Amino acid sequence: MNTLPREFSQNSRSVVSMTNADYRRALALRELAASTTGYPKYLLAPEISLILDAIPDLRKRLLFDVLWNTGARINEALALRPADVVLNATRPFIVLHTLKQRLRPRPGRPSAREPVKRAVPILDDTFLSRLRDGLATFTRHATKPVWDITDDTARNWLNAALDECNRRDLRFSIPDISPKTFRHSYAMHLAINGVEPLTLQGYMGHRDFKSTQHYLRVFALDLGHERMNIRFTYPAVDWLLNDSDPVTNEA
C-alpha cells in the first residue's frame, strides 16, 4: 500500500517543476500542518495530479482542473460560464462570481444588486489548452453554466475519483478530501511558490486579510533549517554556573 508513489505522472507543469528535494520538504511541512489543530488541510501538486488522473471523463475532470487552477469555491466554479473565461488576452483569466460575501450584509459590503466577482489569471499553459478544448467541446451557449449540476453531484464525482485512487492502492494522508481541499491546495501552492500575500488575498477573493493569514501561518511551523541553526543540546559543564575556568574531563 502506497501513501504516495515514488514517481508522478506529469499531468501539469507544477508536477514537472517541483524537484524531489522541494517536494520532500513541502511534504514534511504539510504533514506537520495536518497534525496541528487549526491549519488548512491541503494537498501538494503531485497529489492533486493523481486525483485528476483518476477522472477519465474529461468534462468532469475539467471542473476539478478549474478548482485547482483558480482556487474557486465550488459554487463559483458551478456558476462559471464560457463568457466568464477570457482566453485571448495577453494574460488569459477567469472571472469568478460569488454570493458568499452577501450572505450576511455588513457595512462596506456590496449590495445584493452589485455583483461580487474577481479575475483570476490562468498561470498554467497546459490547463489553458485543456480549458480551451473543453469549452469548445462541452459548451454551446456563452451565458449558460459549463456544469449545470449541484454541488452534491460534484462531490460524487470527486468521491468516484478517490475510489479509483483507492483501487490503484494510493492513499492520501489528509482525511475528508472535498472540493474545498482544492481551494486550500491552490492557496498553499501559490504561497509555496512565493506569491506575495496581497496577491494571494486578491486571487482567493478574501475581503479580510485574516483569511489569507490562515494559509501563511503554516510557514510558521517551518524553522527553515537552511537559514536557522538553533541547537538545544549542549555539553553538561558547570563552569557556566561559577567564576572558575571551564571544567575539562580527561579520559
C-alpha atoms as a PDB file:
ATOM      1  CA  MET A   1       0.000   0.000   0.000  1.00  0.00           C
ATOM      2  CA  ASN A   2       1.431   3.368  -1.039  1.00  0.00           C
ATOM      3  CA  THR A   3       0.876   6.622   0.764  1.00  0.00           C
ATOM      4  CA  LEU A   4       2.316   8.318  -2.307  1.00  0.00           C
ATOM      5  CA  PRO A   5       4.074   6.785  -5.290  1.00  0.00           C
ATOM      6  CA  ARG A   6       7.767   7.394  -5.858  1.00  0.00           C
ATOM      7  CA  GLU A   7       7.136   8.725  -9.351  1.00  0.00           C
ATOM      8  CA  PHE A   8       4.372  11.005 -10.508  1.00  0.00           C
ATOM      9  CA  SER A   9       2.751  11.243 -13.897  1.00  0.00           C
ATOM     10  CA  GLN A  10       3.462  14.634 -15.431  1.00  0.00           C
ATOM     11  CA  ASN A  11      -0.076  15.954 -15.732  1.00  0.00           C
ATOM     12  CA  SER A  12       0.746  19.602 -15.098  1.00  0.00           C
ATOM     13  CA  ARG A  13       3.649  21.976 -15.188  1.00  0.00           C
ATOM     14  CA  SER A  14       3.698  22.175 -11.397  1.00  0.00           C
ATOM     15  CA  VAL A  15       4.487  18.471 -11.149  1.00  0.00           C
ATOM     16  CA  VAL A  16       7.336  18.773 -13.617  1.00  0.00           C
ATOM     17  CA  SER A  17       8.904  21.802 -11.938  1.00  0.00           C
ATOM     18  CA  MET A  18       8.828  20.554  -8.352  1.00  0.00           C
ATOM     19  CA  THR A  19      12.165  18.901  -7.555  1.00  0.00           C
ATOM     20  CA  ASN A  20      12.392  15.833  -5.344  1.00  0.00           C
ATOM     21  CA  ALA A  21      14.059  17.823  -2.558  1.00  0.00           C
ATOM     22  CA  ASP A  22      11.470  20.618  -2.753  1.00  0.00           C
ATOM     23  CA  TYR A  23       8.654  18.093  -2.687  1.00  0.00           C
ATOM     24  CA  ARG A  24      10.053  16.278   0.337  1.00  0.00           C
ATOM     25  CA  ARG A  25      10.375  19.499   2.285  1.00  0.00           C
ATOM     26  CA  ALA A  26       6.892  20.662   1.269  1.00  0.00           C
ATOM     27  CA  LEU A  27       5.519  17.246   2.231  1.00  0.00           C
ATOM     28  CA  ALA A  28       7.182  17.419   5.655  1.00  0.00           C
ATOM     29  CA  LEU A  29       5.659  20.863   6.242  1.00  0.00           C
ATOM     30  CA  ARG A  30       2.236  19.672   5.108  1.00  0.00           C
ATOM     31  CA  GLU A  31       2.400  16.640   7.419  1.00  0.00           C
ATOM     32  CA  LEU A  32       3.208  18.940  10.328  1.00  0.00           C
ATOM     33  CA  ALA A  33       0.297  21.225   9.465  1.00  0.00           C
ATOM     34  CA  ALA A  34      -2.065  18.255   9.060  1.00  0.00           C
ATOM     35  CA  SER A  35      -1.178  17.098  12.574  1.00  0.00           C
ATOM     36  CA  THR A  36      -1.811  20.527  14.109  1.00  0.00           C
ATOM     37  CA  THR A  37      -5.251  21.834  15.002  1.00  0.00           C
ATOM     38  CA  GLY A  38      -6.432  24.935  13.183  1.00  0.00           C
ATOM     39  CA  TYR A  39      -4.386  24.669   9.996  1.00  0.00           C
ATOM     40  CA  PRO A  40      -5.779  24.144   6.480  1.00  0.00           C
ATOM     41  CA  LYS A  41      -5.830  20.590   5.191  1.00  0.00           C
ATOM     42  CA  TYR A  42      -4.304  20.723   1.730  1.00  0.00           C
ATOM     43  CA  LEU A  43      -2.695  18.512  -0.907  1.00  0.00           C
ATOM     44  CA  LEU A  44       0.509  19.105  -2.838  1.00  0.00           C
ATOM     45  CA  ALA A  45       0.654  19.430  -6.626  1.00  0.00           C
ATOM     46  CA  PRO A  46       1.722  15.802  -7.299  1.00  0.00           C
ATOM     47  CA  GLU A  47      -1.141  14.542  -5.130  1.00  0.00           C
ATOM     48  CA  ILE A  48      -3.682  16.704  -6.942  1.00  0.00           C
ATOM     49  CA  SER A  49      -2.363  15.348 -10.252  1.00  0.00           C
ATOM     50  CA  LEU A  50      -3.013  11.803  -9.066  1.00  0.00           C
ATOM     51  CA  ILE A  51      -6.640  12.653  -8.326  1.00  0.00           C
ATOM     52  CA  LEU A  52      -7.091  14.379 -11.684  1.00  0.00           C
ATOM     53  CA  ASP A  53      -5.563  11.376 -13.423  1.00  0.00           C
ATOM     54  CA  ALA A  54      -8.236   9.200 -11.797  1.00  0.00           C
ATOM     55  CA  ILE A  55     -11.050  11.111 -13.566  1.00  0.00           C
ATOM     56  CA  PRO A  56     -11.368   9.630 -17.082  1.00  0.00           C
ATOM     57  CA  ASP A  57     -14.357  11.766 -18.090  1.00  0.00           C
ATOM     58  CA  LEU A  58     -12.834  14.966 -19.497  1.00  0.00           C
ATOM     59  CA  ARG A  59     -15.866  17.116 -18.694  1.00  0.00           C
ATOM     60  CA  LYS A  60     -15.793  16.032 -15.061  1.00  0.00           C
ATOM     61  CA  ARG A  61     -12.049  16.416 -14.863  1.00  0.00           C
ATOM     62  CA  LEU A  62     -12.240  19.952 -16.236  1.00  0.00           C
ATOM     63  CA  LEU A  63     -14.337  21.019 -13.247  1.00  0.00           C
ATOM     64  CA  PHE A  64     -11.630  19.938 -10.818  1.00  0.00           C
ATOM     65  CA  ASP A  65      -8.954  21.391 -13.069  1.00  0.00           C
ATOM     66  CA  VAL A  66     -10.743  24.716 -12.634  1.00  0.00           C
ATOM     67  CA  LEU A  67     -10.874  24.317  -8.854  1.00  0.00           C
ATOM     68  CA  TRP A  68      -7.158  23.510  -8.735  1.00  0.00           C
ATOM     69  CA  ASN A  69      -6.014  26.246 -11.118  1.00  0.00           C
ATOM     70  CA  THR A  70      -8.186  29.081  -9.767  1.00  0.00           C
ATOM     71  CA  GLY A  71      -8.920  28.352  -6.111  1.00  0.00           C
ATOM     72  CA  ALA A  72     -12.614  28.750  -6.868  1.00  0.00           C
ATOM     73  CA  ARG A  73     -15.215  27.820  -4.302  1.00  0.00           C
ATOM     74  CA  ILE A  74     -17.431  25.041  -5.614  1.00  0.00           C
ATOM     75  CA  ASN A  75     -20.412  27.401  -6.046  1.00  0.00           C
ATOM     76  CA  GLU A  76     -18.186  29.794  -8.007  1.00  0.00           C
ATOM     77  CA  ALA A  77     -16.985  27.018 -10.311  1.00  0.00           C
ATOM     78  CA  LEU A  78     -20.516  25.760 -10.919  1.00  0.00           C
ATOM     79  CA  ALA A  79     -21.619  29.294 -11.828  1.00  0.00           C
ATOM     80  CA  LEU A  80     -18.826  29.613 -14.392  1.00  0.00           C
ATOM     81  CA  ARG A  81     -19.976  30.407 -17.932  1.00  0.00           C
ATOM     82  CA  PRO A  82     -17.918  30.454 -21.127  1.00  0.00           C
ATOM     83  CA  ALA A  83     -18.456  34.227 -21.162  1.00  0.00           C
ATOM     84  CA  ASP A  84     -16.505  34.419 -17.881  1.00  0.00           C
ATOM     85  CA  VAL A  85     -13.411  32.867 -19.455  1.00  0.00           C
ATOM     86  CA  VAL A  86     -11.104  35.242 -21.342  1.00  0.00           C
ATOM     87  CA  LEU A  87      -8.679  33.098 -23.321  1.00  0.00           C
ATOM     88  CA  ASN A  88      -7.301  35.511 -25.903  1.00  0.00           C
ATOM     89  CA  ALA A  89      -5.977  38.243 -23.613  1.00  0.00           C
ATOM     90  CA  THR A  90      -2.248  38.842 -23.177  1.00  0.00           C
ATOM     91  CA  ARG A  91      -2.678  37.075 -19.861  1.00  0.00           C
ATOM     92  CA  PRO A  92      -5.777  34.835 -20.008  1.00  0.00           C
ATOM     93  CA  PHE A  93      -8.032  34.921 -16.960  1.00  0.00           C
ATOM     94  CA  ILE A  94     -11.261  33.645 -15.474  1.00  0.00           C
ATOM     95  CA  VAL A  95     -13.902  35.817 -13.802  1.00  0.00           C
ATOM     96  CA  LEU A  96     -15.408  34.158 -10.734  1.00  0.00           C
ATOM     97  CA  HIS A  97     -18.720  35.224  -9.197  1.00  0.00           C
ATOM     98  CA  THR A  98     -19.701  34.559  -5.604  1.00  0.00           C
ATOM     99  CA  LEU A  99     -22.659  35.225  -3.320  1.00  0.00           C
ATOM    100  CA  LYS A 100     -20.742  34.381  -0.148  1.00  0.00           C
ATOM    101  CA  GLN A 101     -19.964  37.970   0.801  1.00  0.00           C
ATOM    102  CA  ARG A 102     -23.642  38.942   0.557  1.00  0.00           C
ATOM    103  CA  LEU A 103     -24.960  36.272   2.911  1.00  0.00           C
ATOM    104  CA  ARG A 104     -24.551  38.495   5.983  1.00  0.00           C
ATOM    105  CA  PRO A 105     -24.703  42.151   4.950  1.00  0.00           C
ATOM    106  CA  ARG A 106     -22.227  44.367   6.764  1.00  0.00           C
ATOM    107  CA  PRO A 107     -21.112  47.962   6.317  1.00  0.00           C
ATOM    108  CA  GLY A 108     -18.987  48.290   3.216  1.00  0.00           C
ATOM    109  CA  ARG A 109     -20.193  45.076   1.618  1.00  0.00           C
ATOM    110  CA  PRO A 110     -21.705  45.149  -1.873  1.00  0.00           C
ATOM    111  CA  SER A 111     -25.466  45.341  -2.087  1.00  0.00           C
ATOM    112  CA  ALA A 112     -27.489  42.388  -3.294  1.00  0.00           C
ATOM    113  CA  ARG A 113     -27.723  44.026  -6.715  1.00  0.00           C
ATOM    114  CA  GLU A 114     -23.996  44.602  -7.033  1.00  0.00           C
ATOM    115  CA  PRO A 115     -22.080  41.612  -8.435  1.00  0.00           C
ATOM    116  CA  VAL A 116     -19.193  40.260  -6.385  1.00  0.00           C
ATOM    117  CA  LYS A 117     -16.561  38.997  -8.752  1.00  0.00           C
ATOM    118  CA  ARG A 118     -12.819  38.681  -9.168  1.00  0.00           C
ATOM    119  CA  ALA A 119     -10.475  37.937 -12.040  1.00  0.00           C
ATOM    120  CA  VAL A 120      -8.003  35.098 -11.555  1.00  0.00           C
ATOM    121  CA  PRO A 121      -5.191  34.713 -14.102  1.00  0.00           C
ATOM    122  CA  ILE A 122      -4.596  31.378 -15.794  1.00  0.00           C
ATOM    123  CA  LEU A 123      -0.979  30.619 -14.914  1.00  0.00           C
ATOM    124  CA  ASP A 124      -0.570  27.121 -16.353  1.00  0.00           C
ATOM    125  CA  ASP A 125      -0.248  26.716 -20.132  1.00  0.00           C
ATOM    126  CA  THR A 126      -1.344  23.071 -20.075  1.00  0.00           C
ATOM    127  CA  PHE A 127      -4.532  23.961 -18.221  1.00  0.00           C
ATOM    128  CA  LEU A 128      -5.135  26.848 -20.627  1.00  0.00           C
ATOM    129  CA  SER A 129      -5.027  24.459 -23.581  1.00  0.00           C
ATOM    130  CA  ARG A 130      -7.269  21.928 -21.830  1.00  0.00           C
ATOM    131  CA  LEU A 131      -9.759  24.644 -20.867  1.00  0.00           C
ATOM    132  CA  ARG A 132      -9.868  25.975 -24.421  1.00  0.00           C
ATOM    133  CA  ASP A 133     -10.549  22.493 -25.803  1.00  0.00           C
ATOM    134  CA  GLY A 134     -13.087  21.718 -23.080  1.00  0.00           C
ATOM    135  CA  LEU A 135     -15.147  24.833 -23.662  1.00  0.00           C
ATOM    136  CA  ALA A 136     -15.169  24.187 -27.402  1.00  0.00           C
ATOM    137  CA  THR A 137     -16.278  20.589 -26.856  1.00  0.00           C
ATOM    138  CA  PHE A 138     -18.702  20.736 -23.936  1.00  0.00           C
ATOM    139  CA  THR A 139     -20.436  24.115 -24.215  1.00  0.00           C
ATOM    140  CA  ARG A 140     -22.833  25.644 -26.710  1.00  0.00           C
ATOM    141  CA  HIS A 141     -24.071  28.807 -25.015  1.00  0.00           C
ATOM    142  CA  ALA A 142     -21.738  31.516 -23.762  1.00  0.00           C
ATOM    143  CA  THR A 143     -24.101  32.621 -20.992  1.00  0.00           C
ATOM    144  CA  LYS A 144     -25.057  29.231 -19.541  1.00  0.00           C
ATOM    145  CA  PRO A 145     -23.031  27.418 -16.853  1.00  0.00           C
ATOM    146  CA  VAL A 146     -20.432  24.967 -18.098  1.00  0.00           C
ATOM    147  CA  TRP A 147     -21.615  22.433 -15.495  1.00  0.00           C
ATOM    148  CA  ASP A 148     -25.356  22.506 -14.857  1.00  0.00           C
ATOM    149  CA  ILE A 149     -25.118  20.305 -11.762  1.00  0.00           C
ATOM    150  CA  THR A 150     -25.482  20.590  -7.979  1.00  0.00           C
ATOM    151  CA  ASP A 151     -22.570  20.705  -5.578  1.00  0.00           C
ATOM    152  CA  ASP A 152     -23.616  17.259  -4.327  1.00  0.00           C
ATOM    153  CA  THR A 153     -23.105  15.889  -7.836  1.00  0.00           C
ATOM    154  CA  ALA A 154     -19.642  17.459  -7.925  1.00  0.00           C
ATOM    155  CA  ARG A 155     -18.799  15.786  -4.615  1.00  0.00           C
ATOM    156  CA  ASN A 156     -19.996  12.459  -6.000  1.00  0.00           C
ATOM    157  CA  TRP A 157     -17.666  12.892  -8.978  1.00  0.00           C
ATOM    158  CA  LEU A 158     -14.774  13.572  -6.614  1.00  0.00           C
ATOM    159  CA  ASN A 159     -15.633  10.592  -4.425  1.00  0.00           C
ATOM    160  CA  ALA A 160     -15.600   8.367  -7.508  1.00  0.00           C
ATOM    161  CA  ALA A 161     -12.092   9.634  -8.311  1.00  0.00           C
ATOM    162  CA  LEU A 162     -10.964   8.940  -4.749  1.00  0.00           C
ATOM    163  CA  ASP A 163     -12.416   5.432  -5.006  1.00  0.00           C
ATOM    164  CA  GLU A 164     -10.367   4.938  -8.163  1.00  0.00           C
ATOM    165  CA  CYS A 165      -7.247   6.132  -6.328  1.00  0.00           C
ATOM    166  CA  ASN A 166      -8.040   3.591  -3.637  1.00  0.00           C
ATOM    167  CA  ARG A 167      -8.281   0.857  -6.278  1.00  0.00           C
ATOM    168  CA  ARG A 168      -4.862   1.976  -7.524  1.00  0.00           C
ATOM    169  CA  ASP A 169      -3.551   1.446  -3.988  1.00  0.00           C
ATOM    170  CA  LEU A 170      -2.963   5.165  -3.419  1.00  0.00           C
ATOM    171  CA  ARG A 171      -3.571   6.770  -0.041  1.00  0.00           C
ATOM    172  CA  PHE A 172      -3.657  10.421   0.914  1.00  0.00           C
ATOM    173  CA  SER A 173      -2.613  11.422   4.392  1.00  0.00           C
ATOM    174  CA  ILE A 174      -5.321  14.033   4.974  1.00  0.00           C
ATOM    175  CA  PRO A 175      -8.908  12.972   5.690  1.00  0.00           C
ATOM    176  CA  ASP A 176     -12.154  14.036   4.081  1.00  0.00           C
ATOM    177  CA  ILE A 177     -10.916  15.345   0.739  1.00  0.00           C
ATOM    178  CA  SER A 178     -13.595  17.615  -0.726  1.00  0.00           C
ATOM    179  CA  PRO A 179     -13.886  20.342  -3.375  1.00  0.00           C
ATOM    180  CA  LYS A 180     -12.750  22.797  -0.699  1.00  0.00           C
ATOM    181  CA  THR A 181      -9.486  20.851  -0.435  1.00  0.00           C
ATOM    182  CA  PHE A 182      -8.670  22.050  -3.959  1.00  0.00           C
ATOM    183  CA  ARG A 183      -9.141  25.667  -2.839  1.00  0.00           C
ATOM    184  CA  HIS A 184      -6.842  25.162   0.153  1.00  0.00           C
ATOM    185  CA  SER A 185      -4.325  23.396  -2.082  1.00  0.00           C
ATOM    186  CA  TYR A 186      -4.367  26.224  -4.639  1.00  0.00           C
ATOM    187  CA  ALA A 187      -3.669  28.801  -1.938  1.00  0.00           C
ATOM    188  CA  MET A 188      -0.803  26.808  -0.454  1.00  0.00           C
ATOM    189  CA  HIS A 189       0.649  26.043  -3.899  1.00  0.00           C
ATOM    190  CA  LEU A 190       0.820  29.769  -4.633  1.00  0.00           C
ATOM    191  CA  ALA A 191       2.293  30.530  -1.216  1.00  0.00           C
ATOM    192  CA  ILE A 192       4.906  27.770  -1.536  1.00  0.00           C
ATOM    193  CA  ASN A 193       5.912  29.223  -4.903  1.00  0.00           C
ATOM    194  CA  GLY A 194       6.465  32.680  -3.432  1.00  0.00           C
ATOM    195  CA  VAL A 195       3.327  34.579  -4.446  1.00  0.00           C
ATOM    196  CA  GLU A 196       3.058  37.809  -2.438  1.00  0.00           C
ATOM    197  CA  PRO A 197       0.470  37.774   0.391  1.00  0.00           C
ATOM    198  CA  LEU A 198      -1.597  40.646  -1.033  1.00  0.00           C
ATOM    199  CA  THR A 199      -1.652  38.970  -4.440  1.00  0.00           C
ATOM    200  CA  LEU A 200      -2.758  35.743  -2.796  1.00  0.00           C
ATOM    201  CA  GLN A 201      -5.511  37.639  -0.989  1.00  0.00           C
ATOM    202  CA  GLY A 202      -6.769  39.001  -4.302  1.00  0.00           C
ATOM    203  CA  TYR A 203      -6.698  35.647  -6.074  1.00  0.00           C
ATOM    204  CA  MET A 204      -8.573  33.991  -3.199  1.00  0.00           C
ATOM    205  CA  GLY A 205     -11.200  36.731  -3.029  1.00  0.00           C
ATOM    206  CA  HIS A 206     -10.637  37.430   0.669  1.00  0.00           C
ATOM    207  CA  ARG A 207     -12.031  40.754   1.874  1.00  0.00           C
ATOM    208  CA  ASP A 208     -10.290  40.285   5.225  1.00  0.00           C
ATOM    209  CA  PHE A 209      -6.541  39.628   5.206  1.00  0.00           C
ATOM    210  CA  LYS A 210      -7.015  37.416   8.272  1.00  0.00           C
ATOM    211  CA  SER A 211      -8.491  34.799   5.942  1.00  0.00           C
ATOM    212  CA  THR A 212      -5.292  34.850   3.877  1.00  0.00           C
ATOM    213  CA  GLN A 213      -3.162  34.597   7.006  1.00  0.00           C
ATOM    214  CA  HIS A 214      -4.856  31.265   7.663  1.00  0.00           C
ATOM    215  CA  TYR A 215      -2.593  29.871   4.934  1.00  0.00           C
ATOM    216  CA  LEU A 216       0.506  31.919   5.681  1.00  0.00           C
ATOM    217  CA  ARG A 217       0.514  30.678   9.284  1.00  0.00           C
ATOM    218  CA  VAL A 218       1.550  27.263   8.003  1.00  0.00           C
ATOM    219  CA  PHE A 219       5.023  28.605   7.285  1.00  0.00           C
ATOM    220  CA  ALA A 220       5.469  29.499  10.946  1.00  0.00           C
ATOM    221  CA  LEU A 221       5.731  25.743  11.511  1.00  0.00           C
ATOM    222  CA  ASP A 222       8.839  25.591   9.322  1.00  0.00           C
ATOM    223  CA  LEU A 223      12.008  26.600  11.134  1.00  0.00           C
ATOM    224  CA  GLY A 224      13.860  26.831   7.847  1.00  0.00           C
ATOM    225  CA  HIS A 225      16.935  24.752   8.649  1.00  0.00           C
ATOM    226  CA  GLU A 226      18.894  26.342   5.824  1.00  0.00           C
ATOM    227  CA  ARG A 227      18.555  29.751   7.494  1.00  0.00           C
ATOM    228  CA  MET A 228      18.448  28.957  11.198  1.00  0.00           C
ATOM    229  CA  ASN A 229      20.781  26.629  13.042  1.00  0.00           C
ATOM    230  CA  ILE A 230      19.325  26.516  16.539  1.00  0.00           C
ATOM    231  CA  ARG A 231      20.700  23.934  18.973  1.00  0.00           C
ATOM    232  CA  PHE A 232      19.113  22.740  22.173  1.00  0.00           C
ATOM    233  CA  THR A 233      21.727  20.106  23.083  1.00  0.00           C
ATOM    234  CA  TYR A 234      24.850  21.264  24.907  1.00  0.00           C
ATOM    235  CA  PRO A 235      27.547  19.521  26.961  1.00  0.00           C
ATOM    236  CA  ALA A 236      26.950  19.355  30.699  1.00  0.00           C
ATOM    237  CA  VAL A 237      29.649  21.711  32.030  1.00  0.00           C
ATOM    238  CA  ASP A 238      29.450  23.523  35.332  1.00  0.00           C
ATOM    239  CA  TRP A 239      31.827  26.400  34.623  1.00  0.00           C
ATOM    240  CA  LEU A 240      28.893  28.488  33.425  1.00  0.00           C
ATOM    241  CA  LEU A 241      27.476  28.393  36.952  1.00  0.00           C
ATOM    242  CA  ASN A 242      30.528  29.836  38.702  1.00  0.00           C
ATOM    243  CA  ASP A 243      33.558  32.003  38.088  1.00  0.00           C
ATOM    244  CA  SER A 244      36.010  29.164  37.609  1.00  0.00           C
ATOM    245  CA  ASP A 245      37.532  28.054  34.340  1.00  0.00           C
ATOM    246  CA  PRO A 246      35.674  25.570  32.172  1.00  0.00           C
ATOM    247  CA  VAL A 247      35.762  22.037  33.532  1.00  0.00           C
ATOM    248  CA  THR A 248      37.526  19.558  31.322  1.00  0.00           C
ATOM    249  CA  ASN A 249      37.352  15.809  31.658  1.00  0.00           C
ATOM    250  CA  GLU A 250      40.325  13.724  30.732  1.00  0.00           C
ATOM    251  CA  ALA A 251      39.945  10.118  29.776  1.00  0.00           C
END
